[in-house]
């Protein structure tokens, strides 16, 4: 009787050990499969998505080979955030450059009061845009746009600006028309843009009222 009981116990232990080993082997295999699956999933997603900068690289005025990181004028502060490569007629391979008046700015962190605009090429000024937003009155640029507003194949320049009033700021905007040789503007037409606050709004208004500007 005792011998039979001993044999039964040995058989139970052996079976338990075999089951334990089998479970462990399956668990390791499952873990390995999961690891491989994760690795494959990671690999399939490892190709980086196109960055916003790359997606927007084909703008009308952009040319990455043109460097517009610095420019200088006496009494002026170069405004890098509002200066851009300008690879457009009639000034191919140049830069649209914005300066502020150091005299009108409160300090270096102030808005770019007295904003004026130029075309620079090879570090030299080749064109100055006529004042159209009241630079002498402490006005400043908020945004710049480049677009063909009248469908003549020549890119025009849009300025969205602001001025400091007695109690609060107010918009002061302008459109510079590309004549093929220079840029001109109509102050009387620009006055009709004064209630608009974005480049997109200005563009839409000018396209609907092109006879006023061209």
N, C-alpha and C. Protein backbone atom coordinates (compact mmCIF):
# COMPACT_ATOMS: atom_id res chain seq x y z
N UNK A 1 0.82 -1.20 0.00
CA UNK A 1 0.00 0.00 0.00
C UNK A 1 0.86 1.26 0.00
N UNK A 2 1.83 1.27 0.88
CA UNK A 2 2.76 2.41 0.97
C UNK A 2 3.55 2.55 -0.33
N UNK A 3 3.91 1.41 -0.92
CA UNK A 3 4.68 1.44 -2.16
C UNK A 3 3.84 2.05 -3.29
N UNK A 4 2.54 1.65 -3.32
CA UNK A 4 1.65 2.19 -4.36
C UNK A 4 1.46 3.69 -4.18
N UNK A 5 1.35 4.12 -2.89
CA UNK A 5 1.19 5.54 -2.61
C UNK A 5 2.42 6.32 -3.04
N UNK A 6 3.61 5.77 -2.79
CA UNK A 6 4.86 6.42 -3.17
C UNK A 6 4.96 6.58 -4.68
N UNK A 7 4.56 5.51 -5.40
CA UNK A 7 4.62 5.57 -6.88
C UNK A 7 3.67 6.64 -7.41
N UNK A 8 2.48 6.73 -6.80
CA UNK A 8 1.49 7.73 -7.23
C UNK A 8 2.02 9.15 -7.02
N UNK A 9 2.68 9.34 -5.86
CA UNK A 9 3.24 10.67 -5.54
C UNK A 9 4.30 11.08 -6.54
N UNK A 10 5.17 10.11 -6.89
CA UNK A 10 6.25 10.38 -7.86
C UNK A 10 5.66 10.77 -9.21
N UNK A 11 4.60 10.07 -9.62
CA UNK A 11 3.97 10.35 -10.91
C UNK A 11 3.34 11.74 -10.93
N UNK A 12 2.69 12.12 -9.80
CA UNK A 12 2.06 13.45 -9.72
C UNK A 12 3.10 14.56 -9.82
N UNK A 13 4.25 14.37 -9.10
CA UNK A 13 5.32 15.37 -9.12
C UNK A 13 5.91 15.51 -10.51
N UNK A 14 6.10 14.37 -11.18
CA UNK A 14 6.68 14.37 -12.52
C UNK A 14 5.77 15.10 -13.51
N UNK A 15 4.46 14.82 -13.38
CA UNK A 15 3.51 15.48 -14.27
C UNK A 15 3.46 16.99 -14.04
N UNK A 16 3.50 17.36 -12.75
CA UNK A 16 3.48 18.80 -12.41
C UNK A 16 4.70 19.51 -12.97
N UNK A 17 5.86 18.87 -12.88
CA UNK A 17 7.10 19.46 -13.39
C UNK A 17 7.03 19.63 -14.90
N UNK A 18 6.49 18.61 -15.57
CA UNK A 18 6.37 18.66 -17.02
C UNK A 18 5.46 19.79 -17.45
N UNK A 19 4.32 19.96 -16.74
CA UNK A 19 3.38 21.04 -17.06
C UNK A 19 4.01 22.40 -16.86
N UNK A 20 4.75 22.55 -15.76
CA UNK A 20 5.41 23.82 -15.45
C UNK A 20 6.41 24.17 -16.53
N UNK A 21 7.16 23.23 -16.98
CA UNK A 21 8.17 23.46 -18.01
C UNK A 21 7.51 23.86 -19.32
N UNK A 22 6.39 23.19 -19.62
CA UNK A 22 5.68 23.49 -20.86
C UNK A 22 5.13 24.91 -20.84
N UNK A 23 4.52 25.32 -19.72
CA UNK A 23 3.99 26.68 -19.59
C UNK A 23 5.09 27.70 -19.74
N UNK A 24 6.23 27.49 -19.09
CA UNK A 24 7.35 28.42 -19.16
C UNK A 24 7.84 28.57 -20.58
N UNK A 25 7.94 27.46 -21.31
CA UNK A 25 8.43 27.52 -22.68
C UNK A 25 7.49 28.33 -23.56
N UNK A 26 6.15 28.11 -23.37
CA UNK A 26 5.18 28.85 -24.17
C UNK A 26 5.21 30.34 -23.85
N UNK A 27 5.40 30.67 -22.55
CA UNK A 27 5.46 32.06 -22.14
C UNK A 27 6.64 32.77 -22.78
N UNK A 28 7.80 32.11 -22.81
CA UNK A 28 8.99 32.71 -23.41
C UNK A 28 8.77 32.91 -24.90
N UNK A 29 8.15 31.94 -25.52
CA UNK A 29 7.90 32.06 -26.96
C UNK A 29 6.96 33.21 -27.25
N UNK A 30 5.91 33.33 -26.39
CA UNK A 30 4.97 34.43 -26.57
C UNK A 30 5.64 35.79 -26.40
N UNK A 31 6.53 35.89 -25.37
CA UNK A 31 7.25 37.13 -25.14
C UNK A 31 8.13 37.48 -26.33
N UNK A 32 8.80 36.48 -26.87
CA UNK A 32 9.68 36.70 -28.01
C UNK A 32 8.87 37.18 -29.20
N UNK A 33 7.71 36.55 -29.40
CA UNK A 33 6.86 36.95 -30.52
C UNK A 33 6.39 38.40 -30.35
N UNK A 34 6.01 38.74 -29.10
CA UNK A 34 5.55 40.10 -28.84
C UNK A 34 6.67 41.10 -29.07
N UNK A 35 7.89 40.73 -28.63
CA UNK A 35 9.04 41.62 -28.81
C UNK A 35 9.31 41.85 -30.29
N UNK A 36 9.29 40.76 -31.06
CA UNK A 36 9.52 40.88 -32.50
C UNK A 36 8.44 41.71 -33.17
N UNK A 37 7.20 41.50 -32.73
CA UNK A 37 6.09 42.26 -33.31
C UNK A 37 6.25 43.74 -33.03
N UNK A 38 6.65 44.07 -31.79
CA UNK A 38 6.85 45.47 -31.44
C UNK A 38 8.00 46.07 -32.24
N UNK A 39 9.07 45.28 -32.38
CA UNK A 39 10.23 45.77 -33.13
C UNK A 39 9.84 46.05 -34.57
N UNK A 40 9.05 45.14 -35.16
CA UNK A 40 8.62 45.35 -36.53
C UNK A 40 7.70 46.55 -36.66
N UNK A 41 6.83 46.71 -35.66
CA UNK A 41 5.92 47.86 -35.69
C UNK A 41 6.70 49.16 -35.59
N UNK A 42 7.71 49.19 -34.70
CA UNK A 42 8.54 50.37 -34.57
C UNK A 42 9.28 50.66 -35.85
N UNK A 43 9.81 49.61 -36.46
CA UNK A 43 10.53 49.79 -37.71
C UNK A 43 9.64 50.33 -38.79
N UNK A 44 8.40 49.88 -38.85
CA UNK A 44 7.50 50.35 -39.91
C UNK A 44 7.13 51.80 -39.72
N UNK A 45 7.22 52.30 -38.48
CA UNK A 45 6.87 53.69 -38.20
C UNK A 45 8.08 54.59 -38.05
N UNK A 46 9.26 54.06 -38.34
CA UNK A 46 10.47 54.82 -38.06
C UNK A 46 10.78 55.86 -39.12
N UNK A 47 10.11 55.79 -40.28
CA UNK A 47 10.33 56.80 -41.30
C UNK A 47 9.72 58.11 -40.85
N UNK A 48 10.53 59.17 -40.69
CA UNK A 48 9.99 60.42 -40.16
C UNK A 48 9.03 61.07 -41.13
N UNK A 49 7.98 61.68 -40.58
CA UNK A 49 7.04 62.41 -41.41
C UNK A 49 7.66 63.71 -41.87
N UNK A 50 7.19 64.21 -42.99
CA UNK A 50 7.71 65.48 -43.50
C UNK A 50 7.41 66.58 -42.50
N UNK A 51 8.41 67.40 -42.22
CA UNK A 51 8.23 68.48 -41.25
C UNK A 51 7.42 69.61 -41.88
N UNK A 52 6.77 70.44 -41.05
CA UNK A 52 6.04 71.57 -41.60
C UNK A 52 6.92 72.47 -42.45
N UNK A 53 8.19 72.63 -42.03
CA UNK A 53 9.09 73.49 -42.80
C UNK A 53 9.32 72.91 -44.19
N UNK A 54 9.50 71.58 -44.27
CA UNK A 54 9.71 70.96 -45.57
C UNK A 54 8.46 71.06 -46.42
N UNK A 55 7.30 70.91 -45.78
CA UNK A 55 6.05 70.96 -46.52
C UNK A 55 5.78 72.34 -47.08
N UNK A 56 6.30 73.37 -46.39
CA UNK A 56 6.04 74.74 -46.82
C UNK A 56 7.24 75.35 -47.55
N UNK A 57 8.17 74.52 -47.96
CA UNK A 57 9.40 75.05 -48.54
C UNK A 57 9.18 75.71 -49.90
N UNK A 58 8.15 75.31 -50.62
CA UNK A 58 7.92 75.84 -51.96
C UNK A 58 7.05 77.09 -51.95
N UNK A 59 7.41 78.05 -51.13
CA UNK A 59 6.69 79.31 -51.13
C UNK A 59 7.19 80.16 -52.30
N UNK A 60 6.43 81.18 -52.65
CA UNK A 60 6.76 81.95 -53.83
C UNK A 60 8.10 82.66 -53.72
N UNK A 61 8.46 83.10 -52.54
CA UNK A 61 9.67 83.91 -52.42
C UNK A 61 10.85 83.14 -51.86
N UNK A 62 10.62 81.88 -51.40
CA UNK A 62 11.67 81.17 -50.66
C UNK A 62 12.70 80.54 -51.58
N UNK A 63 13.95 80.64 -51.17
CA UNK A 63 15.05 79.95 -51.82
C UNK A 63 16.06 79.69 -50.73
N UNK A 64 16.23 78.42 -50.30
CA UNK A 64 17.09 78.14 -49.15
C UNK A 64 18.55 78.51 -49.36
N UNK A 65 18.97 78.72 -50.60
CA UNK A 65 20.37 79.08 -50.84
C UNK A 65 20.62 80.56 -50.58
N UNK A 66 19.55 81.34 -50.47
CA UNK A 66 19.69 82.77 -50.19
C UNK A 66 19.67 82.99 -48.68
N UNK A 67 20.71 83.59 -48.16
CA UNK A 67 20.83 83.82 -46.72
C UNK A 67 20.46 85.27 -46.39
N UNK A 68 19.47 85.42 -45.53
CA UNK A 68 19.00 86.76 -45.16
C UNK A 68 19.00 86.90 -43.63
N UNK A 69 20.08 86.47 -43.01
CA UNK A 69 20.14 86.44 -41.54
C UNK A 69 20.61 87.74 -40.92
N UNK A 70 21.17 88.63 -41.72
CA UNK A 70 21.65 89.87 -41.13
C UNK A 70 21.74 90.98 -42.18
N UNK A 71 21.58 92.20 -41.70
CA UNK A 71 21.73 93.39 -42.53
C UNK A 71 21.90 94.55 -41.56
N UNK A 72 22.44 95.64 -42.04
CA UNK A 72 22.72 96.75 -41.12
C UNK A 72 22.44 98.08 -41.78
N UNK A 73 21.92 99.00 -40.95
CA UNK A 73 21.75 100.40 -41.33
C UNK A 73 21.93 101.24 -40.08
N UNK A 74 22.50 102.40 -40.24
CA UNK A 74 22.73 103.29 -39.10
C UNK A 74 21.40 103.69 -38.46
N UNK A 75 21.33 103.55 -37.14
CA UNK A 75 20.14 103.93 -36.39
C UNK A 75 18.98 102.98 -36.52
N UNK A 76 19.19 101.84 -37.17
CA UNK A 76 18.13 100.88 -37.41
C UNK A 76 18.44 99.53 -36.74
N UNK A 77 17.38 98.81 -36.41
CA UNK A 77 17.52 97.46 -35.91
C UNK A 77 16.98 96.49 -36.96
N UNK A 78 17.80 95.52 -37.32
CA UNK A 78 17.40 94.49 -38.27
C UNK A 78 16.35 93.58 -37.64
N UNK A 79 15.22 93.38 -38.32
CA UNK A 79 14.14 92.54 -37.80
C UNK A 79 14.16 91.22 -38.56
N UNK A 80 14.82 90.25 -37.99
CA UNK A 80 15.02 88.97 -38.67
C UNK A 80 13.70 88.25 -38.93
N UNK A 81 12.75 88.34 -37.99
CA UNK A 81 11.49 87.61 -38.13
C UNK A 81 10.63 88.11 -39.28
N UNK A 82 10.93 89.32 -39.78
CA UNK A 82 10.17 89.88 -40.89
C UNK A 82 11.07 90.16 -42.10
N UNK A 83 12.11 89.36 -42.23
CA UNK A 83 13.03 89.46 -43.37
C UNK A 83 13.13 88.08 -44.01
N UNK A 84 13.07 88.04 -45.36
CA UNK A 84 12.90 86.76 -46.04
C UNK A 84 13.70 86.71 -47.35
N UNK A 85 14.08 85.49 -47.78
CA UNK A 85 14.63 85.35 -49.13
C UNK A 85 13.60 85.85 -50.15
N UNK A 86 14.08 86.54 -51.17
CA UNK A 86 13.18 87.14 -52.16
C UNK A 86 13.71 86.81 -53.55
N UNK A 87 13.41 85.61 -54.00
CA UNK A 87 13.92 85.16 -55.30
C UNK A 87 12.86 85.39 -56.38
N UNK A 88 12.49 86.66 -56.54
CA UNK A 88 11.41 87.04 -57.45
C UNK A 88 11.84 88.22 -58.32
N UNK A 89 11.21 88.31 -59.49
CA UNK A 89 11.44 89.49 -60.32
C UNK A 89 10.82 90.72 -59.67
N UNK A 90 11.43 91.87 -59.79
CA UNK A 90 12.64 92.14 -60.58
C UNK A 90 13.94 92.06 -59.77
N UNK A 91 13.91 91.38 -58.63
CA UNK A 91 15.10 91.33 -57.76
C UNK A 91 15.43 89.88 -57.41
N UNK A 92 15.75 89.09 -58.40
CA UNK A 92 16.11 87.69 -58.18
C UNK A 92 17.33 87.58 -57.27
N UNK A 93 17.31 86.53 -56.42
CA UNK A 93 18.46 86.25 -55.57
C UNK A 93 18.72 87.29 -54.51
N UNK A 94 17.65 87.91 -54.02
CA UNK A 94 17.82 89.00 -53.05
C UNK A 94 17.08 88.69 -51.75
N UNK A 95 16.98 89.69 -50.87
CA UNK A 95 16.30 89.54 -49.58
C UNK A 95 15.32 90.69 -49.38
N UNK A 96 14.15 90.35 -48.89
CA UNK A 96 13.22 91.36 -48.39
C UNK A 96 13.61 91.62 -46.95
N UNK A 97 13.98 92.85 -46.63
CA UNK A 97 14.55 93.17 -45.32
C UNK A 97 13.70 94.21 -44.60
N UNK A 98 13.46 93.96 -43.32
CA UNK A 98 12.73 94.90 -42.47
C UNK A 98 13.65 95.46 -41.41
N UNK A 99 13.61 96.77 -41.25
CA UNK A 99 14.33 97.45 -40.17
C UNK A 99 13.33 98.19 -39.29
N UNK A 100 13.69 98.37 -38.02
CA UNK A 100 12.94 99.21 -37.11
C UNK A 100 13.82 100.39 -36.69
N UNK A 101 13.17 101.44 -36.22
CA UNK A 101 13.91 102.61 -35.78
C UNK A 101 14.30 102.46 -34.31
N UNK A 102 15.59 102.46 -34.02
CA UNK A 102 16.06 102.36 -32.64
C UNK A 102 15.57 103.56 -31.82
N UNK A 103 15.44 104.70 -32.46
CA UNK A 103 15.00 105.91 -31.76
C UNK A 103 13.55 105.79 -31.30
N UNK A 104 12.71 105.12 -32.10
CA UNK A 104 11.30 105.02 -31.76
C UNK A 104 10.99 103.84 -30.84
N UNK A 105 11.85 102.82 -30.84
CA UNK A 105 11.63 101.66 -29.97
C UNK A 105 11.95 102.01 -28.53
N UNK A 106 11.15 101.50 -27.61
CA UNK A 106 11.37 101.75 -26.19
C UNK A 106 12.64 101.03 -25.72
N UNK A 107 12.79 99.76 -26.15
CA UNK A 107 13.97 98.98 -25.84
C UNK A 107 14.09 97.86 -26.88
N UNK A 108 15.06 96.97 -26.69
CA UNK A 108 15.30 95.92 -27.67
C UNK A 108 14.14 94.94 -27.79
N UNK A 109 13.32 94.82 -26.75
CA UNK A 109 12.21 93.87 -26.77
C UNK A 109 10.91 94.49 -27.27
N UNK A 110 10.95 95.77 -27.56
CA UNK A 110 9.75 96.47 -28.02
C UNK A 110 9.36 95.99 -29.42
N UNK A 111 8.10 96.25 -29.81
CA UNK A 111 7.68 95.97 -31.18
C UNK A 111 8.53 96.81 -32.13
N UNK A 112 8.68 96.38 -33.40
CA UNK A 112 9.58 97.09 -34.33
C UNK A 112 8.99 98.40 -34.85
N UNK A 113 8.90 99.38 -33.97
CA UNK A 113 8.32 100.67 -34.34
C UNK A 113 9.16 101.33 -35.44
N UNK A 114 8.46 102.10 -36.27
CA UNK A 114 9.16 102.76 -37.37
C UNK A 114 9.64 101.78 -38.43
N UNK A 115 8.87 100.71 -38.68
CA UNK A 115 9.28 99.69 -39.64
C UNK A 115 9.41 100.25 -41.05
N UNK A 116 10.52 99.94 -41.69
CA UNK A 116 10.74 100.30 -43.09
C UNK A 116 11.25 99.06 -43.82
N UNK A 117 11.06 99.03 -45.15
CA UNK A 117 11.28 97.80 -45.92
C UNK A 117 12.21 98.07 -47.10
N UNK A 118 13.06 97.06 -47.37
CA UNK A 118 14.08 97.21 -48.39
C UNK A 118 14.29 95.89 -49.13
N UNK A 119 14.94 95.99 -50.27
CA UNK A 119 15.49 94.82 -50.94
C UNK A 119 17.00 94.92 -50.83
N UNK A 120 17.60 93.85 -50.31
CA UNK A 120 19.06 93.77 -50.19
C UNK A 120 19.57 92.63 -51.07
N UNK A 121 20.71 92.86 -51.68
CA UNK A 121 21.36 91.80 -52.45
C UNK A 121 22.85 91.86 -52.20
N UNK A 122 23.42 90.71 -51.87
CA UNK A 122 24.86 90.64 -51.56
C UNK A 122 25.24 91.64 -50.47
N UNK A 123 24.34 91.79 -49.49
CA UNK A 123 24.63 92.65 -48.36
C UNK A 123 24.45 94.13 -48.60
N UNK A 124 23.93 94.50 -49.78
CA UNK A 124 23.78 95.91 -50.11
C UNK A 124 22.32 96.24 -50.46
N UNK A 125 21.90 97.44 -50.08
CA UNK A 125 20.55 97.88 -50.41
C UNK A 125 20.44 98.17 -51.90
N UNK A 126 19.43 97.60 -52.55
CA UNK A 126 19.21 97.86 -53.97
C UNK A 126 17.85 98.52 -54.22
N UNK A 127 16.97 98.51 -53.22
CA UNK A 127 15.66 99.14 -53.38
C UNK A 127 15.06 99.44 -52.02
N UNK A 128 14.40 100.59 -51.91
CA UNK A 128 13.66 100.95 -50.69
C UNK A 128 12.19 101.10 -51.03
N UNK A 129 11.34 100.38 -50.30
CA UNK A 129 9.90 100.49 -50.51
C UNK A 129 9.42 101.84 -49.97
N UNK A 130 8.53 102.51 -50.70
CA UNK A 130 7.99 103.78 -50.17
C UNK A 130 7.21 103.53 -48.89
N UNK A 131 7.29 104.48 -47.97
CA UNK A 131 6.58 104.32 -46.70
C UNK A 131 5.08 104.35 -46.96
N UNK A 132 4.39 103.32 -46.44
CA UNK A 132 2.95 103.24 -46.68
C UNK A 132 2.15 102.90 -45.42
N UNK A 133 2.85 102.59 -44.32
CA UNK A 133 2.12 102.24 -43.10
C UNK A 133 2.34 103.25 -41.97
N UNK A 134 3.02 104.36 -42.29
CA UNK A 134 3.23 105.38 -41.27
C UNK A 134 4.42 105.10 -40.39
N UNK A 135 5.55 104.77 -41.01
CA UNK A 135 6.75 104.45 -40.22
C UNK A 135 7.18 105.63 -39.36
N UNK A 136 6.97 106.83 -39.86
CA UNK A 136 7.36 108.01 -39.10
C UNK A 136 6.43 108.30 -37.95
N UNK A 137 5.33 107.57 -37.85
CA UNK A 137 4.36 107.78 -36.78
C UNK A 137 4.41 106.66 -35.74
N UNK A 138 5.48 105.90 -35.75
CA UNK A 138 5.62 104.83 -34.77
C UNK A 138 4.88 103.55 -35.12
N UNK A 139 4.52 103.36 -36.37
CA UNK A 139 3.84 102.14 -36.78
C UNK A 139 4.85 101.02 -37.02
N UNK A 140 4.34 99.80 -37.03
CA UNK A 140 5.26 98.66 -37.19
C UNK A 140 4.58 97.52 -37.95
N UNK A 141 5.39 96.65 -38.49
CA UNK A 141 4.90 95.51 -39.27
C UNK A 141 4.51 94.36 -38.34
N UNK A 142 3.41 93.72 -38.64
CA UNK A 142 2.98 92.51 -37.92
C UNK A 142 3.21 91.26 -38.76
N UNK A 143 3.04 91.38 -40.09
CA UNK A 143 3.19 90.22 -40.97
C UNK A 143 3.43 90.71 -42.40
N UNK A 144 4.10 89.86 -43.18
CA UNK A 144 4.41 90.16 -44.58
C UNK A 144 3.92 89.01 -45.43
N UNK A 145 3.35 89.32 -46.59
CA UNK A 145 2.92 88.28 -47.52
C UNK A 145 3.40 88.57 -48.92
N UNK A 146 3.55 87.52 -49.74
CA UNK A 146 3.97 87.65 -51.13
C UNK A 146 2.98 86.87 -51.99
N UNK A 147 2.31 87.58 -52.90
CA UNK A 147 1.32 86.91 -53.73
C UNK A 147 1.02 87.75 -54.97
N UNK A 148 0.66 87.09 -56.04
CA UNK A 148 0.22 87.78 -57.26
C UNK A 148 -1.26 88.12 -57.07
N UNK A 149 -1.55 89.37 -56.82
CA UNK A 149 -2.91 89.78 -56.45
C UNK A 149 -3.79 90.12 -57.65
N UNK A 150 -3.20 90.36 -58.80
CA UNK A 150 -4.02 90.74 -59.96
C UNK A 150 -3.84 89.82 -61.16
N UNK A 151 -3.15 88.70 -60.97
CA UNK A 151 -3.03 87.70 -62.03
C UNK A 151 -2.15 88.10 -63.20
N UNK A 152 -1.21 89.03 -62.98
CA UNK A 152 -0.34 89.44 -64.08
C UNK A 152 0.97 88.67 -64.12
N UNK A 153 1.11 87.68 -63.22
CA UNK A 153 2.32 86.87 -63.20
C UNK A 153 3.45 87.45 -62.39
N UNK A 154 3.24 88.61 -61.78
CA UNK A 154 4.26 89.26 -60.96
C UNK A 154 3.81 89.27 -59.51
N UNK A 155 4.71 88.91 -58.61
CA UNK A 155 4.37 88.78 -57.20
C UNK A 155 4.37 90.14 -56.50
N UNK A 156 3.27 90.44 -55.84
CA UNK A 156 3.14 91.68 -55.09
C UNK A 156 3.45 91.44 -53.61
N UNK A 157 3.62 92.52 -52.87
CA UNK A 157 3.97 92.43 -51.45
C UNK A 157 2.84 92.99 -50.61
N UNK A 158 2.46 92.25 -49.58
CA UNK A 158 1.37 92.67 -48.69
C UNK A 158 1.94 92.90 -47.29
N UNK A 159 1.62 94.04 -46.71
CA UNK A 159 2.08 94.37 -45.36
C UNK A 159 0.89 94.52 -44.43
N UNK A 160 0.88 93.75 -43.36
CA UNK A 160 -0.11 93.93 -42.29
C UNK A 160 0.61 94.60 -41.13
N UNK A 161 0.17 95.80 -40.79
CA UNK A 161 0.88 96.56 -39.76
C UNK A 161 -0.06 97.08 -38.68
N UNK A 162 0.54 97.70 -37.67
CA UNK A 162 -0.21 98.31 -36.57
C UNK A 162 0.42 99.64 -36.20
N UNK A 163 -0.40 100.51 -35.62
CA UNK A 163 0.07 101.79 -35.11
C UNK A 163 -0.46 101.99 -33.71
N UNK A 164 0.23 102.77 -32.93
CA UNK A 164 -0.18 103.03 -31.56
C UNK A 164 -1.01 104.29 -31.51
N UNK A 165 -2.31 104.15 -31.15
CA UNK A 165 -3.18 105.31 -31.05
C UNK A 165 -3.15 105.90 -29.66
N UNK A 166 -4.01 106.88 -29.44
CA UNK A 166 -4.05 107.55 -28.14
C UNK A 166 -4.46 106.60 -27.02
N UNK A 167 -5.38 105.66 -27.34
CA UNK A 167 -5.85 104.72 -26.32
C UNK A 167 -5.50 103.27 -26.63
N UNK A 168 -5.40 102.93 -27.90
CA UNK A 168 -5.10 101.55 -28.28
C UNK A 168 -4.51 101.53 -29.69
N UNK A 169 -4.02 100.37 -30.10
CA UNK A 169 -3.44 100.24 -31.42
C UNK A 169 -4.53 100.13 -32.49
N UNK A 170 -4.13 100.41 -33.73
CA UNK A 170 -5.06 100.29 -34.85
C UNK A 170 -4.28 99.79 -36.07
N UNK A 171 -4.96 99.07 -36.99
CA UNK A 171 -4.26 98.51 -38.15
C UNK A 171 -3.77 99.60 -39.11
N UNK A 172 -2.67 99.33 -39.76
CA UNK A 172 -2.16 100.19 -40.83
C UNK A 172 -1.53 99.26 -41.85
N UNK A 173 -2.20 99.07 -42.98
CA UNK A 173 -1.80 98.05 -43.94
C UNK A 173 -1.44 98.67 -45.29
N UNK A 174 -0.77 97.87 -46.11
CA UNK A 174 -0.37 98.39 -47.42
C UNK A 174 -0.16 97.25 -48.40
N UNK A 175 -0.33 97.57 -49.68
CA UNK A 175 -0.02 96.65 -50.77
C UNK A 175 0.98 97.34 -51.69
N UNK A 176 2.06 96.62 -52.00
CA UNK A 176 3.05 97.12 -52.94
C UNK A 176 2.90 96.35 -54.24
N UNK A 177 2.62 97.08 -55.30
CA UNK A 177 2.37 96.47 -56.61
C UNK A 177 3.69 96.28 -57.36
N UNK A 178 3.90 95.09 -57.86
CA UNK A 178 5.10 94.76 -58.63
C UNK A 178 4.88 95.21 -60.08
N UNK A 179 5.64 96.21 -60.52
CA UNK A 179 5.51 96.72 -61.88
C UNK A 179 6.40 95.99 -62.87
N UNK A 180 7.25 95.12 -62.35
CA UNK A 180 8.24 94.45 -63.21
C UNK A 180 9.60 95.10 -63.13
N UNK A 181 9.63 96.34 -62.65
CA UNK A 181 10.89 97.06 -62.48
C UNK A 181 11.08 97.56 -61.05
N UNK A 182 9.99 97.71 -60.32
CA UNK A 182 10.03 98.22 -58.94
C UNK A 182 8.71 97.89 -58.26
N UNK A 183 8.50 98.46 -57.08
CA UNK A 183 7.24 98.28 -56.35
C UNK A 183 6.65 99.65 -56.04
N UNK A 184 5.38 99.81 -56.34
CA UNK A 184 4.70 101.08 -56.08
C UNK A 184 3.49 100.83 -55.18
N UNK A 185 2.97 101.90 -54.61
CA UNK A 185 1.79 101.76 -53.75
C UNK A 185 0.91 103.00 -53.87
N UNK A 186 -0.37 102.85 -53.56
CA UNK A 186 -1.33 103.95 -53.60
C UNK A 186 -1.84 104.22 -52.19
N UNK A 187 -1.40 105.31 -51.57
CA UNK A 187 -1.86 105.61 -50.21
C UNK A 187 -3.37 105.68 -50.08
N UNK A 188 -4.05 106.24 -51.07
CA UNK A 188 -5.50 106.36 -51.00
C UNK A 188 -6.17 104.99 -51.00
N UNK A 189 -5.61 104.05 -51.72
CA UNK A 189 -6.15 102.69 -51.74
C UNK A 189 -5.83 101.97 -50.43
N UNK A 190 -4.62 102.18 -49.92
CA UNK A 190 -4.21 101.53 -48.67
C UNK A 190 -5.11 101.92 -47.50
N UNK A 191 -5.66 103.15 -47.54
CA UNK A 191 -6.54 103.60 -46.46
C UNK A 191 -7.78 102.72 -46.32
N UNK A 192 -8.17 102.08 -47.40
CA UNK A 192 -9.35 101.23 -47.38
C UNK A 192 -9.07 99.87 -46.74
N UNK A 193 -7.80 99.64 -46.40
CA UNK A 193 -7.41 98.37 -45.77
C UNK A 193 -7.32 98.49 -44.25
N UNK A 194 -7.59 99.67 -43.74
CA UNK A 194 -7.29 99.94 -42.33
C UNK A 194 -8.09 99.13 -41.32
N UNK A 195 -9.20 98.56 -41.72
CA UNK A 195 -9.98 97.76 -40.78
C UNK A 195 -9.58 96.29 -40.79
N UNK A 196 -8.67 95.92 -41.67
CA UNK A 196 -8.27 94.51 -41.82
C UNK A 196 -7.07 94.21 -40.94
N UNK A 197 -7.00 92.96 -40.47
CA UNK A 197 -5.97 92.63 -39.48
C UNK A 197 -4.99 91.54 -39.90
N UNK A 198 -5.26 90.84 -41.00
CA UNK A 198 -4.37 89.77 -41.42
C UNK A 198 -4.02 89.90 -42.89
N UNK A 199 -2.92 89.26 -43.28
CA UNK A 199 -2.51 89.26 -44.69
C UNK A 199 -3.59 88.62 -45.56
N UNK A 200 -4.18 87.53 -45.07
CA UNK A 200 -5.22 86.84 -45.84
C UNK A 200 -6.42 87.75 -46.09
N UNK A 201 -6.81 88.53 -45.07
CA UNK A 201 -7.93 89.46 -45.22
C UNK A 201 -7.61 90.55 -46.24
N UNK A 202 -6.38 91.03 -46.18
CA UNK A 202 -5.94 92.07 -47.12
C UNK A 202 -5.96 91.54 -48.55
N UNK A 203 -5.40 90.34 -48.74
CA UNK A 203 -5.37 89.74 -50.07
C UNK A 203 -6.78 89.59 -50.64
N UNK A 204 -7.70 89.08 -49.82
CA UNK A 204 -9.07 88.87 -50.28
C UNK A 204 -9.73 90.19 -50.68
N UNK A 205 -9.50 91.23 -49.90
CA UNK A 205 -10.10 92.53 -50.19
C UNK A 205 -9.54 93.10 -51.50
N UNK A 206 -8.23 93.03 -51.66
CA UNK A 206 -7.61 93.58 -52.86
C UNK A 206 -8.07 92.86 -54.12
N UNK A 207 -8.20 91.54 -54.06
CA UNK A 207 -8.64 90.77 -55.22
C UNK A 207 -10.07 91.13 -55.62
N UNK A 208 -10.90 91.46 -54.64
CA UNK A 208 -12.28 91.85 -54.93
C UNK A 208 -12.39 93.29 -55.40
N UNK A 209 -11.38 94.09 -55.09
CA UNK A 209 -11.41 95.51 -55.44
C UNK A 209 -10.12 95.91 -56.18
N UNK A 210 -9.73 95.09 -57.11
CA UNK A 210 -8.42 95.27 -57.76
C UNK A 210 -8.29 96.60 -58.49
N UNK A 211 -9.39 97.13 -59.00
CA UNK A 211 -9.31 98.41 -59.73
C UNK A 211 -8.82 99.55 -58.84
N UNK A 212 -9.02 99.40 -57.53
CA UNK A 212 -8.57 100.45 -56.60
C UNK A 212 -7.04 100.45 -56.43
N UNK A 213 -6.43 99.29 -56.67
CA UNK A 213 -5.01 99.14 -56.35
C UNK A 213 -4.11 99.04 -57.59
N UNK A 214 -4.69 98.66 -58.73
CA UNK A 214 -3.86 98.41 -59.93
C UNK A 214 -4.27 99.33 -61.09
